[in-house]
PDB file of N, CA and C in Angstrom:
ATOM      1  N   MET A   1       1.005  -1.204  -0.026  1.00  0.00           N
ATOM      2  CA  MET A   1       0.617   0.371   0.008  1.00  0.00           C
ATOM      3  C   MET A   1       1.338   1.258   0.148  1.00  0.00           C
ATOM      4  N   THR A   2       0.341   2.305  -0.298  1.00  0.00           N
ATOM      5  CA  THR A   2       1.106   3.735  -0.710  1.00  0.00           C
ATOM      6  C   THR A   2       0.258   4.565   0.461  1.00  0.00           C
ATOM      7  N   ARG A   3       1.309   5.285   1.237  1.00  0.00           N
ATOM      8  CA  ARG A   3       0.563   6.366   1.606  1.00  0.00           C
ATOM      9  C   ARG A   3       0.372   7.845   0.764  1.00  0.00           C
ATOM     10  N   ILE A   4      -0.556   8.516   1.120  1.00  0.00           N
ATOM     11  CA  ILE A   4      -0.449   9.588   0.268  1.00  0.00           C
ATOM     12  C   ILE A   4      -0.869  10.783   1.517  1.00  0.00           C
ATOM     13  N   THR A   5      -1.191  12.092   1.277  1.00  0.00           N
ATOM     14  CA  THR A   5      -1.600  13.148   1.471  1.00  0.00           C
ATOM     15  C   THR A   5      -2.979  13.842   0.854  1.00  0.00           C
ATOM     16  N   ILE A   6      -4.013  13.941   1.558  1.00  0.00           N
ATOM     17  CA  ILE A   6      -4.392  14.826   0.667  1.00  0.00           C
ATOM     18  C   ILE A   6      -5.524  16.336   2.039  1.00  0.00           C
ATOM     19  N   THR A   7      -5.566  17.280   0.811  1.00  0.00           N
ATOM     20  CA  THR A   7      -6.079  17.851   1.502  1.00  0.00           C
ATOM     21  C   THR A   7      -7.515  18.640   1.611  1.00  0.00           C
ATOM     22  N   LEU A   8      -8.331  18.787   2.106  1.00  0.00           N
ATOM     23  CA  LEU A   8      -9.771  19.061   2.291  1.00  0.00           C
ATOM     24  C   LEU A   8     -10.292  20.065   2.626  1.00  0.00           C
ATOM     25  N   ASP A   9     -11.599  20.772   2.424  1.00  0.00           N
ATOM     26  CA  ASP A   9     -11.498  21.932   3.387  1.00  0.00           C
ATOM     27  C   ASP A   9     -12.444  21.181   4.499  1.00  0.00           C
ATOM     28  N   ASN A  10     -12.577  22.114   5.433  1.00  0.00           N
ATOM     29  CA  ASN A  10     -13.467  21.673   6.207  1.00  0.00           C
ATOM     30  C   ASN A  10     -14.870  20.943   6.436  1.00  0.00           C
ATOM     31  N   GLN A  11     -15.230  21.545   5.431  1.00  0.00           N
ATOM     32  CA  GLN A  11     -17.025  20.722   5.167  1.00  0.00           C
ATOM     33  C   GLN A  11     -16.500  19.530   4.475  1.00  0.00           C
ATOM     34  N   ALA A  12     -15.673  19.382   3.585  1.00  0.00           N
ATOM     35  CA  ALA A  12     -15.492  18.047   2.480  1.00  0.00           C
ATOM     36  C   ALA A  12     -15.107  16.954   4.271  1.00  0.00           C
ATOM     37  N   ALA A  13     -14.064  17.794   4.789  1.00  0.00           N
ATOM     38  CA  ALA A  13     -13.207  16.453   5.875  1.00  0.00           C
ATOM     39  C   ALA A  13     -14.570  16.346   7.183  1.00  0.00           C
ATOM     40  N   ALA A  14     -15.031  17.604   7.469  1.00  0.00           N
ATOM     41  CA  ALA A  14     -16.358  16.879   7.978  1.00  0.00           C
ATOM     42  C   ALA A  14     -17.557  15.817   7.682  1.00  0.00           C
ATOM     43  N   TRP A  15     -17.708  16.204   6.509  1.00  0.00           N
ATOM     44  CA  TRP A  15     -18.404  15.078   5.922  1.00  0.00           C
ATOM     45  C   TRP A  15     -18.374  14.120   5.666  1.00  0.00           C
ATOM     46  N   VAL A  16     -17.041  13.691   4.656  1.00  0.00           N
ATOM     47  CA  VAL A  16     -16.231  12.435   5.204  1.00  0.00           C
ATOM     48  C   VAL A  16     -15.978  11.559   6.646  1.00  0.00           C
ATOM     49  N   ARG A  17     -16.021  12.326   7.271  1.00  0.00           N
ATOM     50  CA  ARG A  17     -15.374  11.733   8.708  1.00  0.00           C
ATOM     51  C   ARG A  17     -16.477  11.621   9.177  1.00  0.00           C
ATOM     52  N   ARG A  18     -17.941  12.387   8.738  1.00  0.00           N
ATOM     53  CA  ARG A  18     -19.338  11.191   9.131  1.00  0.00           C
ATOM     54  C   ARG A  18     -19.358   9.925   8.486  1.00  0.00           C
ATOM     55  N   ARG A  19     -19.883  10.193   6.971  1.00  0.00           N
ATOM     56  CA  ARG A  19     -19.518   9.223   6.695  1.00  0.00           C
ATOM     57  C   ARG A  19     -18.982   7.805   6.877  1.00  0.00           C
ATOM     58  N   ALA A  20     -17.582   7.992   6.966  1.00  0.00           N
ATOM     59  CA  ALA A  20     -16.581   6.533   7.881  1.00  0.00           C
ATOM     60  C   ALA A  20     -17.020   6.331   8.844  1.00  0.00           C
ATOM     61  N   ALA A  21     -17.382   7.510   9.790  1.00  0.00           N
ATOM     62  CA  ALA A  21     -17.499   6.701  11.049  1.00  0.00           C
ATOM     63  C   ALA A  21     -18.960   5.811  11.062  1.00  0.00           C
ATOM     64  N   ALA A  22     -20.169   6.084  10.391  1.00  0.00           N
ATOM     65  CA  ALA A  22     -21.343   5.768   9.770  1.00  0.00           C
ATOM     66  C   ALA A  22     -21.213   4.346   9.863  1.00  0.00           C
ATOM     67  N   ARG A  23     -20.104   4.211   8.684  1.00  0.00           N
ATOM     68  CA  ARG A  23     -19.784   2.457   8.684  1.00  0.00           C
ATOM     69  C   ARG A  23     -18.484   1.905   9.275  1.00  0.00           C
ATOM     70  N   ASN A  24     -18.609   2.596  10.125  1.00  0.00           N
ATOM     71  CA  ASN A  24     -18.132   1.814  11.361  1.00  0.00           C
ATOM     72  C   ASN A  24     -16.613   1.943  10.327  1.00  0.00           C
ATOM     73  N   MET A  25     -15.545   2.699   9.649  1.00  0.00           N
ATOM     74  CA  MET A  25     -14.799   1.901   9.292  1.00  0.00           C
ATOM     75  C   MET A  25     -13.891   3.787   9.548  1.00  0.00           C
ATOM     76  N   SER A  26     -12.115   3.271   8.681  1.00  0.00           N
ATOM     77  CA  SER A  26     -11.061   4.277   9.348  1.00  0.00           C
ATOM     78  C   SER A  26     -11.550   5.509   8.196  1.00  0.00           C
ATOM     79  N   LEU A  27     -11.232   6.517   8.646  1.00  0.00           N
ATOM     80  CA  LEU A  27     -11.238   7.614   6.923  1.00  0.00           C
ATOM     81  C   LEU A  27     -10.930   7.254   6.114  1.00  0.00           C
ATOM     82  N   SER A  28      -8.871   6.984   6.239  1.00  0.00           N
ATOM     83  CA  SER A  28      -8.291   6.126   5.274  1.00  0.00           C
ATOM     84  C   SER A  28      -9.017   5.049   4.449  1.00  0.00           C
ATOM     85  N   ARG A  29      -9.029   4.347   5.123  1.00  0.00           N
ATOM     86  CA  ARG A  29     -10.104   2.884   4.557  1.00  0.00           C
ATOM     87  C   ARG A  29     -11.195   3.457   3.663  1.00  0.00           C
ATOM     88  N   TYR A  30     -11.813   4.245   3.766  1.00  0.00           N
ATOM     89  CA  TYR A  30     -13.314   4.880   3.678  1.00  0.00           C
ATOM     90  C   TYR A  30     -13.119   5.394   2.605  1.00  0.00           C
ATOM     91  N   VAL A  31     -11.911   6.251   2.422  1.00  0.00           N
ATOM     92  CA  VAL A  31     -11.543   7.067   0.754  1.00  0.00           C
ATOM     93  C   VAL A  31     -11.296   6.034  -0.274  1.00  0.00           C
ATOM     94  N   GLY A  32     -10.641   4.699   0.728  1.00  0.00           N
ATOM     95  CA  GLY A  32      -9.709   4.685  -0.613  1.00  0.00           C
ATOM     96  C   GLY A  32     -10.297   3.488  -1.167  1.00  0.00           C
ATOM     97  N   GLU A  33     -11.947   2.972  -0.013  1.00  0.00           N
ATOM     98  CA  GLU A  33     -12.690   2.298  -1.293  1.00  0.00           C
ATOM     99  C   GLU A  33     -13.708   3.270  -2.313  1.00  0.00           C
ATOM    100  N   ILE A  34     -13.879   4.389  -1.762  1.00  0.00           N
ATOM    101  CA  ILE A  34     -14.145   5.469  -2.432  1.00  0.00           C
ATOM    102  C   ILE A  34     -13.778   5.649  -3.562  1.00  0.00           C
ATOM    103  N   LEU A  35     -11.982   5.873  -3.468  1.00  0.00           N
ATOM    104  CA  LEU A  35     -11.409   6.095  -4.910  1.00  0.00           C
ATOM    105  C   LEU A  35     -11.295   4.101  -6.146  1.00  0.00           C
ATOM    106  N   ARG A  36     -11.573   3.710  -5.184  1.00  0.00           N
ATOM    107  CA  ARG A  36     -11.238   2.042  -5.862  1.00  0.00           C
ATOM    108  C   ARG A  36     -12.488   1.536  -6.681  1.00  0.00           C
ATOM    109  N   GLU A  37     -13.995   2.070  -5.829  1.00  0.00           N
ATOM    110  CA  GLU A  37     -15.571   2.283  -6.465  1.00  0.00           C
ATOM    111  C   GLU A  37     -14.823   3.166  -7.540  1.00  0.00           C
ATOM    112  N   LYS A  38     -14.222   4.075  -7.643  1.00  0.00           N
ATOM    113  CA  LYS A  38     -14.480   5.757  -9.318  1.00  0.00           C
ATOM    114  C   LYS A  38     -13.537   4.904  -9.692  1.00  0.00           C
ATOM    115  N   MET A  39     -12.367   4.044  -9.734  1.00  0.00           N
ATOM    116  CA  MET A  39     -11.658   2.954 -10.787  1.00  0.00           C
ATOM    117  C   MET A  39     -12.486   2.232 -11.316  1.00  0.00           C
ATOM    118  N   ARG A  40     -13.242   0.745 -10.919  1.00  0.00           N
ATOM    119  CA  ARG A  40     -14.460   0.350 -11.091  1.00  0.00           C
ATOM    120  C   ARG A  40     -14.862   0.447 -12.111  1.00  0.00           C
ATOM    121  N   HIS A  41     -15.770   1.913 -11.663  1.00  0.00           N
ATOM    122  CA  HIS A  41     -16.984   2.089 -12.792  1.00  0.00           C
ATOM    123  C   HIS A  41     -16.229   2.980 -13.429  1.00  0.00           C
ATOM    124  N   SER A  42     -15.227   3.498 -13.698  1.00  0.00           N
ATOM    125  CA  SER A  42     -14.379   3.727 -14.982  1.00  0.00           C
ATOM    126  C   SER A  42     -14.167   3.489 -15.401  1.00  0.00           C
ATOM    127  N   GLN A  43     -13.301   1.672 -15.324  1.00  0.00           N
ATOM    128  CA  GLN A  43     -12.469   1.027 -15.919  1.00  0.00           C
ATOM    129  C   GLN A  43     -13.743   0.366 -16.815  1.00  0.00           C
ATOM    130  N   GLY A  44     -14.610   0.078 -16.324  1.00  0.00           N
ATOM    131  CA  GLY A  44     -15.665  -1.121 -16.844  1.00  0.00           C
ATOM    132  C   GLY A  44     -16.859  -0.382 -17.390  1.00  0.00           C
ATOM    133  N   TYR A  45     -17.208   1.093 -17.337  1.00  0.00           N
ATOM    134  CA  TYR A  45     -17.550   1.878 -18.335  1.00  0.00           C
ATOM    135  C   TYR A  45     -16.456   2.106 -19.287  1.00  0.00           C
ATOM    136  N   GLN A  46     -15.254   1.938 -19.733  1.00  0.00           N
ATOM    137  CA  GLN A  46     -14.416   2.583 -20.983  1.00  0.00           C
ATOM    138  C   GLN A  46     -14.332   1.088 -21.500  1.00  0.00           C
ATOM    139  N   LYS A  47     -14.155   0.375 -20.805  1.00  0.00           N
ATOM    140  CA  LYS A  47     -14.304  -1.385 -21.524  1.00  0.00           C
ATOM    141  C   LYS A  47     -16.049  -1.321 -22.256  1.00  0.00           C
ATOM    142  N   ALA A  48     -16.794  -1.221 -21.567  1.00  0.00           N
ATOM    143  CA  ALA A  48     -18.614  -1.014 -22.695  1.00  0.00           C
ATOM    144  C   ALA A  48     -18.326  -0.491 -23.662  1.00  0.00           C
ATOM    145  N   TYR A  49     -17.652   0.837 -23.424  1.00  0.00           N
ATOM    146  CA  TYR A  49     -17.898   1.806 -24.398  1.00  0.00           C
ATOM    147  C   TYR A  49     -17.175   1.313 -25.555  1.00  0.00           C
ATOM    148  N   LYS A  50     -16.102   0.716 -25.354  1.00  0.00           N
ATOM    149  CA  LYS A  50     -14.839  -0.131 -26.608  1.00  0.00           C
ATOM    150  C   LYS A  50     -15.520  -1.083 -27.169  1.00  0.00           C
ATOM    151  N   ALA A  51     -16.519  -1.722 -26.297  1.00  0.00           N
ATOM    152  CA  ALA A  51     -17.128  -3.246 -26.984  1.00  0.00           C
ATOM    153  C   ALA A  51     -18.198  -2.385 -28.013  1.00  0.00           C
ATOM    154  N   PHE A  52     -18.765  -1.511 -27.263  1.00  0.00           N
ATOM    155  CA  PHE A  52     -19.787  -0.326 -28.294  1.00  0.00           C
ATOM    156  C   PHE A  52     -19.595  -0.509 -29.602  1.00  0.00           C
ATOM    157  N   LEU A  53     -18.891   0.233 -29.349  1.00  0.00           N
ATOM    158  CA  LEU A  53     -17.726   0.952 -31.066  1.00  0.00           C
ATOM    159  C   LEU A  53     -17.615  -0.572 -32.133  1.00  0.00           C
ATOM    160  N   ALA A  54     -16.809  -1.402 -31.528  1.00  0.00           N
ATOM    161  CA  ALA A  54     -16.680  -2.620 -31.868  1.00  0.00           C
ATOM    162  C   ALA A  54     -17.892  -3.168 -32.734  1.00  0.00           C
ATOM    163  N   GLU A  55     -19.030  -3.182 -32.377  1.00  0.00           N
ATOM    164  CA  GLU A  55     -20.197  -3.742 -33.033  1.00  0.00           C
ATOM    165  C   GLU A  55     -20.055  -3.395 -33.713  1.00  0.00           C
ATOM    166  N   LYS A  56     -20.527  -3.929 -34.939  1.00  0.00           N
ATOM    167  CA  LYS A  56     -21.318  -3.689 -36.618  1.00  0.00           C
ATOM    168  C   LYS A  56     -22.666  -2.903 -36.376  1.00  0.00           C
ATOM    169  N   PRO A  57     -22.393  -1.894 -37.322  1.00  0.00           N
ATOM    170  CA  PRO A  57     -23.784  -1.287 -37.057  1.00  0.00           C
ATOM    171  C   PRO A  57     -24.884  -2.014 -37.282  1.00  0.00           C
ATOM    172  N   LEU A  58     -26.489  -1.977 -36.971  1.00  0.00           N
ATOM    173  CA  LEU A  58     -27.327  -2.701 -37.358  1.00  0.00           C
ATOM    174  C   LEU A  58     -27.916  -2.231 -38.485  1.00  0.00           C
ATOM    175  N   ARG A  59     -28.082  -3.062 -39.563  1.00  0.00           N
ATOM    176  CA  ARG A  59     -28.673  -2.675 -41.229  1.00  0.00           C
ATOM    177  C   ARG A  59     -30.130  -3.016 -40.234  1.00  0.00           C
ATOM    178  N   LEU A  60     -31.249  -1.562 -40.520  1.00  0.00           N
ATOM    179  CA  LEU A  60     -32.476  -1.816 -40.299  1.00  0.00           C
ATOM    180  C   LEU A  60     -33.135  -2.080 -41.447  1.00  0.00           C
ATOM    181  N   LYS A  61     -32.324  -1.238 -42.551  1.00  0.00           N
ATOM    182  CA  LYS A  61     -33.793  -1.981 -44.145  1.00  0.00           C
ATOM    183  C   LYS A  61     -32.937  -1.070 -45.113  1.00  0.00           C
ATOM    184  N   GLY A  62     -32.302  -2.113 -46.016  1.00  0.00           N
ATOM    185  CA  GLY A  62     -31.456  -2.075 -47.002  1.00  0.00           C
ATOM    186  C   GLY A  62     -32.272  -2.186 -48.451  1.00  0.00           C
ATOM    187  N   PRO A  63     -31.497  -1.368 -49.186  1.00  0.00           N
ATOM    188  CA  PRO A  63     -32.429  -1.031 -51.102  1.00  0.00           C
ATOM    189  C   PRO A  63     -33.157  -2.088 -51.456  1.00  0.00           C
ATOM    190  N   GLY A  64     -34.698  -2.097 -51.493  1.00  0.00           N
ATOM    191  CA  GLY A  64     -35.497  -2.334 -52.069  1.00  0.00           C
ATOM    192  C   GLY A  64     -36.629  -3.573 -51.085  1.00  0.00           C
ATOM    193  N   GLU A  65     -35.542  -2.834 -50.129  1.00  0.00           N
ATOM    194  CA  GLU A  65     -36.234  -3.606 -49.102  1.00  0.00           C
ATOM    195  C   GLU A  65     -37.728  -2.818 -47.986  1.00  0.00           C
ATOM    196  N   ARG A  66     -38.328  -3.810 -47.347  1.00  0.00           N
ATOM    197  CA  ARG A  66     -40.140  -2.868 -46.681  1.00  0.00           C
ATOM    198  C   ARG A  66     -38.908  -2.519 -45.544  1.00  0.00           C
ATOM    199  N   GLN A  67     -39.664  -1.495 -44.935  1.00  0.00           N
ATOM    200  CA  GLN A  67     -39.179  -0.597 -43.558  1.00  0.00           C
ATOM    201  C   GLN A  67     -40.098  -1.554 -42.591  1.00  0.00           C
ATOM    202  N   LEU A  68     -39.956  -1.260 -41.367  1.00  0.00           N
ATOM    203  CA  LEU A  68     -39.680  -1.963 -40.324  1.00  0.00           C
ATOM    204  C   LEU A  68     -41.114  -1.845 -39.942  1.00  0.00           C
ATOM    205  N   THR A  69     -41.591  -2.695 -39.331  1.00  0.00           N
ATOM    206  CA  THR A  69     -43.281  -1.775 -38.509  1.00  0.00           C
ATOM    207  C   THR A  69     -42.968  -1.494 -37.473  1.00  0.00           C
ATOM    208  N   ARG A  70     -43.718  -0.810 -36.560  1.00  0.00           N
ATOM    209  CA  ARG A  70     -43.459  -0.279 -34.809  1.00  0.00           C
ATOM    210  C   ARG A  70     -43.445  -1.318 -34.474  1.00  0.00           C
ATOM    211  N   GLU A  71     -43.754  -2.434 -34.296  1.00  0.00           N
ATOM    212  CA  GLU A  71     -44.024  -3.641 -33.359  1.00  0.00           C
ATOM    213  C   GLU A  71     -42.636  -4.381 -33.537  1.00  0.00           C
ATOM    214  N   GLU A  72     -41.520  -4.312 -34.927  1.00  0.00           N
ATOM    215  CA  GLU A  72     -40.844  -4.474 -35.116  1.00  0.00           C
ATOM    216  C   GLU A  72     -39.508  -4.369 -34.095  1.00  0.00           C
ATOM    217  N   ALA A  73     -39.970  -2.871 -34.874  1.00  0.00           N
ATOM    218  CA  ALA A  73     -38.596  -2.104 -34.434  1.00  0.00           C
ATOM    219  C   ALA A  73     -37.625  -1.595 -33.001  1.00  0.00           C
ATOM    220  N   ASN A  74     -39.573  -2.330 -31.933  1.00  0.00           N
ATOM    221  CA  ASN A  74     -39.593  -2.029 -30.517  1.00  0.00           C
ATOM    222  C   ASN A  74     -39.159  -3.572 -29.993  1.00  0.00           C
ATOM    223  N   ASP A  75     -38.885  -4.676 -30.820  1.00  0.00           N
ATOM    224  CA  ASP A  75     -38.918  -6.063 -30.153  1.00  0.00           C
ATOM    225  C   ASP A  75     -37.472  -5.948 -30.473  1.00  0.00           C
ATOM    226  N   ARG A  76     -37.465  -5.746 -28.938  1.00  0.00           N
ATOM    227  CA  ARG A  76     -35.532  -5.569 -28.684  1.00  0.00           C
ATOM    228  C   ARG A  76     -34.920  -7.245 -28.403  1.00  0.00           C
ATOM    229  N   ALA A  77     -35.620  -7.935 -28.348  1.00  0.00           N
ATOM    230  CA  ALA A  77     -35.170  -9.524 -28.362  1.00  0.00           C
ATOM    231  C   ALA A  77     -34.604  -9.789 -29.605  1.00  0.00           C
ATOM    232  N   ALA A  78     -35.744  -9.655 -30.259  1.00  0.00           N
ATOM    233  CA  ALA A  78     -35.767  -9.714 -31.967  1.00  0.00           C
ATOM    234  C   ALA A  78     -34.013  -9.102 -32.442  1.00  0.00           C
ATOM    235  N   LEU A  79     -33.570  -7.502 -32.151  1.00  0.00           N
ATOM    236  CA  LEU A  79     -33.064  -6.932 -32.396  1.00  0.00           C
ATOM    237  C   LEU A  79     -31.753  -7.337 -32.021  1.00  0.00           C
ATOM    238  N   ARG A  80     -31.729  -7.729 -30.422  1.00  0.00           N
ATOM    239  CA  ARG A  80     -30.166  -8.345 -30.744  1.00  0.00           C
ATOM    240  C   ARG A  80     -30.011  -9.676 -30.830  1.00  0.00           C
ATOM    241  N   ARG A  81     -30.657 -10.161 -31.231  1.00  0.00           N
ATOM    242  CA  ARG A  81     -30.671 -11.578 -32.165  1.00  0.00           C
ATOM    243  C   ARG A  81     -29.883 -11.617 -33.709  1.00  0.00           C
ATOM    244  N   ARG A  82     -29.748 -10.322 -34.018  1.00  0.00           N
ATOM    245  CA  ARG A  82     -29.492  -9.890 -35.291  1.00  0.00           C
ATOM    246  C   ARG A  82     -27.541  -9.987 -34.925  1.00  0.00           C
TER     247      ARG A  82
END
């Protein structure tokens, strides 16, 4: 583990102390958990975004094909199978 020093304004320091105490945790451990959660969320978002960009676009209508009906366009399960 690495030790770091952070500077907080009085209001933020009081808030984080109350939150840590409510969870029966040290201030250091609570701040560490908050940062780990932010890191996991950020990494998960980036992974999902890259997977989304890697997918081929869904072709809804080609030349000479009929347009989807309202029901077909809103059938999420059928669109996922394509």
